[in-house]
Amino acid sequence: MPVYFTVRKLVDPATGQVVGAFVPNSDEDKNYLRERQYREGERIRAVLTKPRNERFNRLVHGMGHLIVENIEGYESLRAHDAIKKLQSEGRIHCSIETLSVEGMDIQRYVPKSISFDSMDEHSFQDFWNQCCKYFIEKHWPTLDEDALTEMIEFQSFTNH
């Protein structure tokens, strides 16, 4: 389970100096750390990453809703499944599975997870750009990425 921290300036009680410190973001984060029984002065190893920009995460889910509501062949899907279908069709951040059927090899594109913990910001930006490019080329060639983004943002604003 990832733990989220905020970097804050605090006074180190041992030295009296102002230092940068990682402070747990929420009670849930604090409880998780407490359950691990970390002690003052104990050395801890951690891999630190910045969380992704939540705006782009919302845009991707908004794109799923836009697709379901406007694109033939997607209308029966949930927004998440529409993104996975677009991802697979566009071969965007997919792994390739090879299936052998009666002596023939068939390749299938399997969408990789785009969850916060499985894709960093750089990869997610690339994912978003490729989704926009594929969606525009395949389904709505009169749009550009800016117009598509505006449509998604407007739709999510009016639906909430």
N, C-alpha and C. Protein backbone atom coordinates (compact mmCIF):
# COMPACT_ATOMS: atom_id res chain seq x y z
N MET A 1 0.85 -1.17 0.00
CA MET A 1 0.00 0.00 0.00
C MET A 1 0.89 1.24 0.00
N PRO A 2 0.68 2.15 -0.96
CA PRO A 2 1.47 3.38 -0.94
C PRO A 2 1.05 4.29 0.20
N VAL A 3 2.00 5.01 0.73
CA VAL A 3 1.74 6.00 1.78
C VAL A 3 2.07 7.36 1.17
N TYR A 4 1.18 8.31 1.35
CA TYR A 4 1.39 9.64 0.80
C TYR A 4 1.90 10.58 1.88
N PHE A 5 2.89 11.39 1.50
CA PHE A 5 3.52 12.35 2.41
C PHE A 5 3.49 13.74 1.79
N THR A 6 3.60 14.73 2.64
CA THR A 6 3.83 16.11 2.22
C THR A 6 5.18 16.52 2.79
N VAL A 7 5.98 17.19 1.98
CA VAL A 7 7.27 17.68 2.47
C VAL A 7 7.02 19.00 3.20
N ARG A 8 7.47 19.07 4.45
CA ARG A 8 7.27 20.27 5.27
C ARG A 8 8.57 20.62 5.97
N LYS A 9 8.71 21.89 6.29
CA LYS A 9 9.85 22.34 7.08
C LYS A 9 9.48 22.22 8.54
N LEU A 10 10.33 21.52 9.30
CA LEU A 10 10.11 21.31 10.73
C LEU A 10 11.43 21.54 11.47
N VAL A 11 11.31 21.76 12.75
CA VAL A 11 12.50 21.89 13.58
C VAL A 11 12.86 20.52 14.12
N ASP A 12 14.09 20.08 13.83
CA ASP A 12 14.57 18.80 14.33
C ASP A 12 14.86 18.94 15.82
N PRO A 13 14.13 18.18 16.67
CA PRO A 13 14.33 18.32 18.11
C PRO A 13 15.75 17.95 18.56
N ALA A 14 16.42 17.11 17.80
CA ALA A 14 17.77 16.68 18.20
C ALA A 14 18.81 17.77 17.95
N THR A 15 18.59 18.59 16.90
CA THR A 15 19.61 19.59 16.54
C THR A 15 19.12 21.02 16.65
N GLY A 16 17.80 21.20 16.67
CA GLY A 16 17.23 22.55 16.68
C GLY A 16 17.25 23.21 15.32
N GLN A 17 17.69 22.50 14.30
CA GLN A 17 17.77 23.05 12.95
C GLN A 17 16.46 22.81 12.20
N VAL A 18 16.16 23.74 11.28
CA VAL A 18 15.01 23.56 10.39
C VAL A 18 15.42 22.58 9.30
N VAL A 19 14.61 21.55 9.11
CA VAL A 19 14.90 20.51 8.11
C VAL A 19 13.64 20.25 7.29
N GLY A 20 13.84 19.68 6.13
CA GLY A 20 12.71 19.18 5.34
C GLY A 20 12.35 17.81 5.88
N ALA A 21 11.05 17.57 6.05
CA ALA A 21 10.61 16.28 6.60
C ALA A 21 9.41 15.78 5.83
N PHE A 22 9.30 14.47 5.73
CA PHE A 22 8.14 13.85 5.12
C PHE A 22 7.10 13.63 6.20
N VAL A 23 5.93 14.26 6.04
CA VAL A 23 4.86 14.15 7.03
C VAL A 23 3.70 13.39 6.38
N PRO A 24 3.20 12.33 7.02
CA PRO A 24 2.08 11.58 6.43
C PRO A 24 0.90 12.51 6.14
N ASN A 25 0.26 12.28 4.97
CA ASN A 25 -0.84 13.14 4.52
C ASN A 25 -2.12 12.99 5.31
N SER A 26 -2.43 11.80 5.73
CA SER A 26 -3.76 11.56 6.30
C SER A 26 -3.65 10.67 7.54
N ASP A 27 -4.76 10.57 8.24
CA ASP A 27 -4.81 9.66 9.39
C ASP A 27 -4.58 8.22 8.93
N GLU A 28 -5.09 7.89 7.76
CA GLU A 28 -4.90 6.53 7.22
C GLU A 28 -3.41 6.26 7.01
N ASP A 29 -2.70 7.23 6.45
CA ASP A 29 -1.25 7.07 6.26
C ASP A 29 -0.53 6.94 7.60
N LYS A 30 -0.91 7.78 8.57
CA LYS A 30 -0.30 7.71 9.90
C LYS A 30 -0.54 6.35 10.56
N ASN A 31 -1.78 5.87 10.47
CA ASN A 31 -2.12 4.57 11.07
C ASN A 31 -1.35 3.43 10.42
N TYR A 32 -1.22 3.48 9.10
CA TYR A 32 -0.49 2.45 8.38
C TYR A 32 0.96 2.39 8.88
N LEU A 33 1.57 3.56 9.03
CA LEU A 33 2.96 3.60 9.52
C LEU A 33 3.05 3.14 10.97
N ARG A 34 2.09 3.54 11.77
CA ARG A 34 2.08 3.14 13.19
C ARG A 34 1.97 1.62 13.31
N GLU A 35 1.13 1.01 12.46
CA GLU A 35 0.96 -0.45 12.49
C GLU A 35 2.27 -1.17 12.18
N ARG A 36 3.14 -0.53 11.41
CA ARG A 36 4.43 -1.14 11.06
C ARG A 36 5.44 -1.00 12.20
N GLN A 37 5.07 -0.27 13.22
CA GLN A 37 5.88 -0.10 14.43
C GLN A 37 7.26 0.50 14.15
N TYR A 38 7.30 1.49 13.25
CA TYR A 38 8.54 2.22 13.04
C TYR A 38 8.81 3.05 14.29
N ARG A 39 10.05 3.14 14.68
CA ARG A 39 10.44 3.83 15.90
C ARG A 39 11.34 5.02 15.59
N GLU A 40 11.29 6.01 16.47
CA GLU A 40 12.14 7.19 16.32
C GLU A 40 13.60 6.76 16.25
N GLY A 41 14.31 7.33 15.28
CA GLY A 41 15.72 7.02 15.11
C GLY A 41 15.98 5.80 14.25
N GLU A 42 14.95 5.02 13.96
CA GLU A 42 15.11 3.82 13.14
C GLU A 42 15.35 4.24 11.69
N ARG A 43 16.26 3.54 11.04
CA ARG A 43 16.57 3.82 9.64
C ARG A 43 15.59 3.06 8.75
N ILE A 44 14.99 3.76 7.79
CA ILE A 44 13.99 3.18 6.89
C ILE A 44 14.44 3.42 5.45
N ARG A 45 14.27 2.42 4.61
CA ARG A 45 14.55 2.55 3.18
C ARG A 45 13.22 2.73 2.46
N ALA A 46 13.17 3.66 1.50
CA ALA A 46 11.93 3.90 0.77
C ALA A 46 12.23 4.29 -0.67
N VAL A 47 11.34 3.93 -1.56
CA VAL A 47 11.39 4.38 -2.94
C VAL A 47 10.33 5.47 -3.05
N LEU A 48 10.76 6.68 -3.40
CA LEU A 48 9.84 7.81 -3.42
C LEU A 48 9.52 8.22 -4.85
N THR A 49 8.26 8.49 -5.11
CA THR A 49 7.82 8.99 -6.41
C THR A 49 6.79 10.08 -6.18
N LYS A 50 6.67 10.96 -7.16
CA LYS A 50 5.62 11.97 -7.09
C LYS A 50 4.35 11.35 -7.67
N PRO A 51 3.20 11.62 -7.04
CA PRO A 51 1.96 11.10 -7.61
C PRO A 51 1.65 11.81 -8.92
N ARG A 52 0.86 11.16 -9.75
CA ARG A 52 0.48 11.74 -11.03
C ARG A 52 -0.44 12.93 -10.84
N ASN A 53 -0.51 13.72 -11.88
CA ASN A 53 -1.42 14.85 -11.93
C ASN A 53 -2.85 14.32 -12.01
N GLU A 54 -3.64 14.62 -11.02
CA GLU A 54 -5.01 14.09 -10.97
C GLU A 54 -5.89 14.63 -12.09
N ARG A 55 -5.56 15.82 -12.60
CA ARG A 55 -6.36 16.40 -13.69
C ARG A 55 -6.36 15.47 -14.90
N PHE A 56 -5.21 14.93 -15.25
CA PHE A 56 -5.13 14.06 -16.42
C PHE A 56 -5.83 12.73 -16.16
N ASN A 57 -5.80 12.27 -14.95
CA ASN A 57 -6.54 11.06 -14.61
C ASN A 57 -8.04 11.29 -14.82
N ARG A 58 -8.53 12.46 -14.37
CA ARG A 58 -9.95 12.80 -14.57
C ARG A 58 -10.27 12.95 -16.05
N LEU A 59 -9.32 13.51 -16.82
CA LEU A 59 -9.55 13.66 -18.26
C LEU A 59 -9.71 12.31 -18.94
N VAL A 60 -8.89 11.35 -18.56
CA VAL A 60 -9.00 10.02 -19.18
C VAL A 60 -10.36 9.41 -18.87
N HIS A 61 -10.80 9.51 -17.62
CA HIS A 61 -12.11 8.96 -17.29
C HIS A 61 -13.22 9.75 -17.97
N GLY A 62 -13.03 11.05 -18.11
CA GLY A 62 -13.99 11.86 -18.86
C GLY A 62 -14.04 11.47 -20.32
N MET A 63 -12.88 11.13 -20.89
CA MET A 63 -12.84 10.67 -22.27
C MET A 63 -13.65 9.38 -22.40
N GLY A 64 -13.55 8.50 -21.43
CA GLY A 64 -14.34 7.27 -21.46
C GLY A 64 -15.83 7.57 -21.53
N HIS A 65 -16.30 8.52 -20.73
CA HIS A 65 -17.72 8.90 -20.76
C HIS A 65 -18.09 9.51 -22.11
N LEU A 66 -17.23 10.37 -22.65
CA LEU A 66 -17.48 10.99 -23.95
C LEU A 66 -17.60 9.93 -25.04
N ILE A 67 -16.73 8.96 -25.01
CA ILE A 67 -16.73 7.88 -26.00
C ILE A 67 -18.03 7.08 -25.90
N VAL A 68 -18.40 6.69 -24.69
CA VAL A 68 -19.62 5.88 -24.48
C VAL A 68 -20.85 6.63 -25.00
N GLU A 69 -20.89 7.93 -24.76
CA GLU A 69 -22.07 8.71 -25.12
C GLU A 69 -22.12 9.11 -26.59
N ASN A 70 -20.98 9.04 -27.30
CA ASN A 70 -20.96 9.60 -28.65
C ASN A 70 -20.44 8.69 -29.76
N ILE A 71 -19.83 7.58 -29.43
CA ILE A 71 -19.18 6.77 -30.45
C ILE A 71 -19.87 5.41 -30.58
N GLU A 72 -20.29 5.12 -31.80
CA GLU A 72 -20.97 3.85 -32.08
C GLU A 72 -20.03 2.68 -31.78
N GLY A 73 -20.60 1.65 -31.17
CA GLY A 73 -19.83 0.47 -30.81
C GLY A 73 -19.31 0.50 -29.38
N TYR A 74 -19.48 1.63 -28.73
CA TYR A 74 -19.02 1.79 -27.35
C TYR A 74 -20.18 2.02 -26.38
N GLU A 75 -21.37 2.23 -26.91
CA GLU A 75 -22.49 2.69 -26.09
C GLU A 75 -22.90 1.74 -24.97
N SER A 76 -22.59 0.48 -25.08
CA SER A 76 -22.98 -0.47 -24.03
C SER A 76 -21.91 -0.63 -22.94
N LEU A 77 -20.80 0.07 -23.10
CA LEU A 77 -19.68 -0.09 -22.18
C LEU A 77 -19.72 0.92 -21.04
N ARG A 78 -19.03 0.58 -19.96
CA ARG A 78 -18.77 1.56 -18.90
C ARG A 78 -17.58 2.40 -19.38
N ALA A 79 -17.41 3.58 -18.80
CA ALA A 79 -16.34 4.49 -19.22
C ALA A 79 -14.97 3.82 -19.14
N HIS A 80 -14.72 3.10 -18.05
CA HIS A 80 -13.43 2.42 -17.88
C HIS A 80 -13.20 1.40 -19.00
N ASP A 81 -14.24 0.64 -19.33
CA ASP A 81 -14.11 -0.38 -20.37
C ASP A 81 -13.94 0.26 -21.75
N ALA A 82 -14.54 1.44 -21.95
CA ALA A 82 -14.37 2.16 -23.21
C ALA A 82 -12.91 2.58 -23.39
N ILE A 83 -12.29 3.03 -22.33
CA ILE A 83 -10.87 3.41 -22.40
C ILE A 83 -10.02 2.18 -22.70
N LYS A 84 -10.32 1.06 -22.05
CA LYS A 84 -9.56 -0.17 -22.29
C LYS A 84 -9.72 -0.64 -23.74
N LYS A 85 -10.93 -0.50 -24.29
CA LYS A 85 -11.16 -0.88 -25.69
C LYS A 85 -10.38 0.04 -26.61
N LEU A 86 -10.44 1.34 -26.36
CA LEU A 86 -9.69 2.31 -27.16
C LEU A 86 -8.19 2.02 -27.06
N GLN A 87 -7.73 1.73 -25.85
CA GLN A 87 -6.33 1.43 -25.60
C GLN A 87 -5.90 0.20 -26.41
N SER A 88 -6.72 -0.83 -26.40
CA SER A 88 -6.40 -2.06 -27.12
C SER A 88 -6.43 -1.84 -28.63
N GLU A 89 -7.50 -1.20 -29.11
CA GLU A 89 -7.63 -0.96 -30.55
C GLU A 89 -6.49 -0.09 -31.08
N GLY A 90 -6.10 0.91 -30.28
CA GLY A 90 -5.04 1.81 -30.69
C GLY A 90 -3.65 1.29 -30.38
N ARG A 91 -3.60 0.12 -29.71
CA ARG A 91 -2.32 -0.49 -29.31
C ARG A 91 -1.49 0.50 -28.48
N ILE A 92 -2.19 1.12 -27.53
CA ILE A 92 -1.60 2.16 -26.70
C ILE A 92 -1.25 1.57 -25.34
N HIS A 93 0.01 1.54 -25.01
CA HIS A 93 0.49 0.98 -23.73
C HIS A 93 -0.12 -0.40 -23.48
N CYS A 94 0.13 -1.29 -24.44
CA CYS A 94 -0.37 -2.66 -24.35
C CYS A 94 0.81 -3.63 -24.31
N SER A 95 0.56 -4.78 -23.74
CA SER A 95 1.50 -5.88 -23.89
C SER A 95 0.92 -6.79 -24.96
N ILE A 96 1.77 -7.57 -25.57
CA ILE A 96 1.32 -8.46 -26.64
C ILE A 96 1.34 -9.89 -26.13
N GLU A 97 0.20 -10.55 -26.26
CA GLU A 97 0.09 -11.97 -25.94
C GLU A 97 0.00 -12.72 -27.25
N THR A 98 0.73 -13.80 -27.36
CA THR A 98 0.65 -14.63 -28.55
C THR A 98 -0.06 -15.92 -28.17
N LEU A 99 -1.15 -16.18 -28.86
CA LEU A 99 -1.93 -17.39 -28.63
C LEU A 99 -1.73 -18.33 -29.81
N SER A 100 -1.50 -19.59 -29.53
CA SER A 100 -1.37 -20.58 -30.60
C SER A 100 -2.67 -21.35 -30.71
N VAL A 101 -3.28 -21.25 -31.88
CA VAL A 101 -4.54 -21.93 -32.13
C VAL A 101 -4.39 -22.73 -33.42
N GLU A 102 -4.50 -24.03 -33.31
CA GLU A 102 -4.40 -24.94 -34.45
C GLU A 102 -3.19 -24.62 -35.33
N GLY A 103 -2.04 -24.44 -34.70
CA GLY A 103 -0.81 -24.22 -35.44
C GLY A 103 -0.58 -22.78 -35.88
N MET A 104 -1.55 -21.92 -35.63
CA MET A 104 -1.38 -20.51 -36.01
C MET A 104 -1.15 -19.66 -34.77
N ASP A 105 -0.25 -18.72 -34.88
CA ASP A 105 -0.02 -17.78 -33.79
C ASP A 105 -0.86 -16.53 -34.02
N ILE A 106 -1.63 -16.18 -33.02
CA ILE A 106 -2.48 -14.99 -33.08
C ILE A 106 -2.02 -14.04 -31.99
N GLN A 107 -1.77 -12.80 -32.38
CA GLN A 107 -1.36 -11.81 -31.40
C GLN A 107 -2.57 -11.03 -30.90
N ARG A 108 -2.55 -10.79 -29.60
CA ARG A 108 -3.62 -10.04 -28.96
C ARG A 108 -2.97 -8.93 -28.14
N TYR A 109 -3.54 -7.74 -28.24
CA TYR A 109 -3.02 -6.59 -27.50
C TYR A 109 -3.80 -6.44 -26.20
N VAL A 110 -3.08 -6.54 -25.10
CA VAL A 110 -3.70 -6.49 -23.77
C VAL A 110 -3.32 -5.16 -23.11
N PRO A 111 -4.33 -4.32 -22.83
CA PRO A 111 -4.04 -3.02 -22.23
C PRO A 111 -3.35 -3.16 -20.88
N LYS A 112 -2.29 -2.40 -20.68
CA LYS A 112 -1.62 -2.36 -19.38
C LYS A 112 -2.41 -1.46 -18.43
N SER A 113 -2.21 -1.65 -17.16
CA SER A 113 -2.88 -0.84 -16.16
C SER A 113 -2.38 0.61 -16.24
N ILE A 114 -3.31 1.53 -16.04
CA ILE A 114 -2.93 2.94 -15.98
C ILE A 114 -3.16 3.49 -14.57
N SER A 115 -3.24 2.61 -13.60
CA SER A 115 -3.49 3.04 -12.22
C SER A 115 -2.34 3.94 -11.75
N PHE A 116 -2.63 4.73 -10.75
CA PHE A 116 -1.64 5.65 -10.20
C PHE A 116 -0.35 4.94 -9.82
N ASP A 117 -0.45 3.74 -9.30
CA ASP A 117 0.73 3.05 -8.79
C ASP A 117 1.46 2.23 -9.85
N SER A 118 0.89 2.14 -11.05
CA SER A 118 1.55 1.33 -12.06
C SER A 118 2.11 2.15 -13.22
N MET A 119 1.84 3.46 -13.24
CA MET A 119 2.30 4.28 -14.34
C MET A 119 2.72 5.65 -13.81
N ASP A 120 3.94 6.05 -14.12
CA ASP A 120 4.40 7.36 -13.65
C ASP A 120 3.83 8.48 -14.51
N GLU A 121 4.09 9.72 -14.11
CA GLU A 121 3.52 10.89 -14.80
C GLU A 121 3.96 10.96 -16.26
N HIS A 122 5.24 10.72 -16.52
CA HIS A 122 5.74 10.79 -17.89
C HIS A 122 5.03 9.77 -18.79
N SER A 123 4.93 8.54 -18.32
CA SER A 123 4.26 7.50 -19.10
C SER A 123 2.78 7.82 -19.28
N PHE A 124 2.16 8.38 -18.24
CA PHE A 124 0.74 8.71 -18.32
C PHE A 124 0.51 9.83 -19.33
N GLN A 125 1.41 10.82 -19.38
CA GLN A 125 1.30 11.89 -20.37
C GLN A 125 1.37 11.30 -21.78
N ASP A 126 2.31 10.37 -21.97
CA ASP A 126 2.44 9.71 -23.26
C ASP A 126 1.17 8.93 -23.59
N PHE A 127 0.63 8.24 -22.60
CA PHE A 127 -0.62 7.50 -22.77
C PHE A 127 -1.74 8.44 -23.21
N TRP A 128 -1.89 9.57 -22.50
CA TRP A 128 -2.94 10.54 -22.81
C TRP A 128 -2.78 11.07 -24.24
N ASN A 129 -1.56 11.45 -24.61
CA ASN A 129 -1.32 11.97 -25.96
C ASN A 129 -1.66 10.95 -27.03
N GLN A 130 -1.27 9.70 -26.81
CA GLN A 130 -1.56 8.65 -27.79
C GLN A 130 -3.07 8.37 -27.88
N CYS A 131 -3.75 8.38 -26.73
CA CYS A 131 -5.21 8.18 -26.74
C CYS A 131 -5.90 9.28 -27.54
N CYS A 132 -5.51 10.51 -27.29
CA CYS A 132 -6.10 11.64 -28.01
C CYS A 132 -5.86 11.50 -29.51
N LYS A 133 -4.61 11.23 -29.88
CA LYS A 133 -4.25 11.10 -31.29
C LYS A 133 -5.06 10.00 -31.96
N TYR A 134 -5.12 8.84 -31.34
CA TYR A 134 -5.86 7.72 -31.92
C TYR A 134 -7.35 8.03 -31.99
N PHE A 135 -7.92 8.55 -30.91
CA PHE A 135 -9.35 8.86 -30.88
C PHE A 135 -9.71 9.86 -31.98
N ILE A 136 -8.91 10.90 -32.13
CA ILE A 136 -9.19 11.93 -33.14
C ILE A 136 -9.08 11.34 -34.54
N GLU A 137 -8.00 10.61 -34.81
CA GLU A 137 -7.80 10.02 -36.14
C GLU A 137 -8.91 9.03 -36.50
N LYS A 138 -9.30 8.21 -35.54
CA LYS A 138 -10.24 7.11 -35.80
C LYS A 138 -11.70 7.54 -35.73
N HIS A 139 -12.03 8.41 -34.76
CA HIS A 139 -13.44 8.65 -34.47
C HIS A 139 -13.93 10.09 -34.67
N TRP A 140 -13.06 11.08 -34.56
CA TRP A 140 -13.54 12.46 -34.59
C TRP A 140 -12.48 13.36 -35.22
N PRO A 141 -12.24 13.20 -36.54
CA PRO A 141 -11.13 13.90 -37.19
C PRO A 141 -11.27 15.42 -37.26
N THR A 142 -12.45 15.95 -36.95
CA THR A 142 -12.61 17.41 -36.97
C THR A 142 -12.10 18.07 -35.69
N LEU A 143 -11.72 17.27 -34.71
CA LEU A 143 -11.22 17.81 -33.44
C LEU A 143 -9.70 17.86 -33.44
N ASP A 144 -9.16 18.67 -32.55
CA ASP A 144 -7.75 18.58 -32.19
C ASP A 144 -7.70 18.29 -30.68
N GLU A 145 -6.51 18.08 -30.14
CA GLU A 145 -6.40 17.67 -28.73
C GLU A 145 -6.97 18.73 -27.79
N ASP A 146 -6.74 20.01 -28.11
CA ASP A 146 -7.27 21.07 -27.24
C ASP A 146 -8.79 21.07 -27.23
N ALA A 147 -9.41 20.93 -28.41
CA ALA A 147 -10.88 20.91 -28.48
C ALA A 147 -11.44 19.68 -27.76
N LEU A 148 -10.77 18.55 -27.93
CA LEU A 148 -11.20 17.33 -27.24
C LEU A 148 -11.12 17.51 -25.73
N THR A 149 -10.03 18.08 -25.26
CA THR A 149 -9.87 18.32 -23.82
C THR A 149 -10.96 19.25 -23.30
N GLU A 150 -11.25 20.31 -24.05
CA GLU A 150 -12.31 21.25 -23.65
C GLU A 150 -13.66 20.55 -23.59
N MET A 151 -13.95 19.70 -24.58
CA MET A 151 -15.22 18.96 -24.57
C MET A 151 -15.33 18.08 -23.33
N ILE A 152 -14.27 17.38 -23.02
CA ILE A 152 -14.27 16.48 -21.86
C ILE A 152 -14.45 17.28 -20.57
N GLU A 153 -13.72 18.37 -20.44
CA GLU A 153 -13.84 19.19 -19.23
C GLU A 153 -15.23 19.79 -19.11
N PHE A 154 -15.80 20.25 -20.22
CA PHE A 154 -17.15 20.82 -20.19
C PHE A 154 -18.16 19.75 -19.82
N GLN A 155 -18.03 18.58 -20.42
CA GLN A 155 -18.95 17.48 -20.13
C GLN A 155 -18.90 17.09 -18.66
N SER A 156 -17.70 17.00 -18.11
CA SER A 156 -17.59 16.60 -16.71
C SER A 156 -18.12 17.69 -15.80
N PHE A 157 -18.00 18.95 -16.20
CA PHE A 157 -18.54 20.07 -15.42
C PHE A 157 -20.06 20.05 -15.43
N THR A 158 -20.66 19.78 -16.59
CA THR A 158 -22.13 19.79 -16.70
C THR A 158 -22.77 18.54 -16.12
N ASN A 159 -22.01 17.45 -16.00
CA ASN A 159 -22.57 16.21 -15.45
C ASN A 159 -22.44 16.13 -13.94
N HIS A 160 -21.83 17.12 -13.31
CA HIS A 160 -21.65 17.06 -11.86
C HIS A 160 -22.35 18.18 -11.19
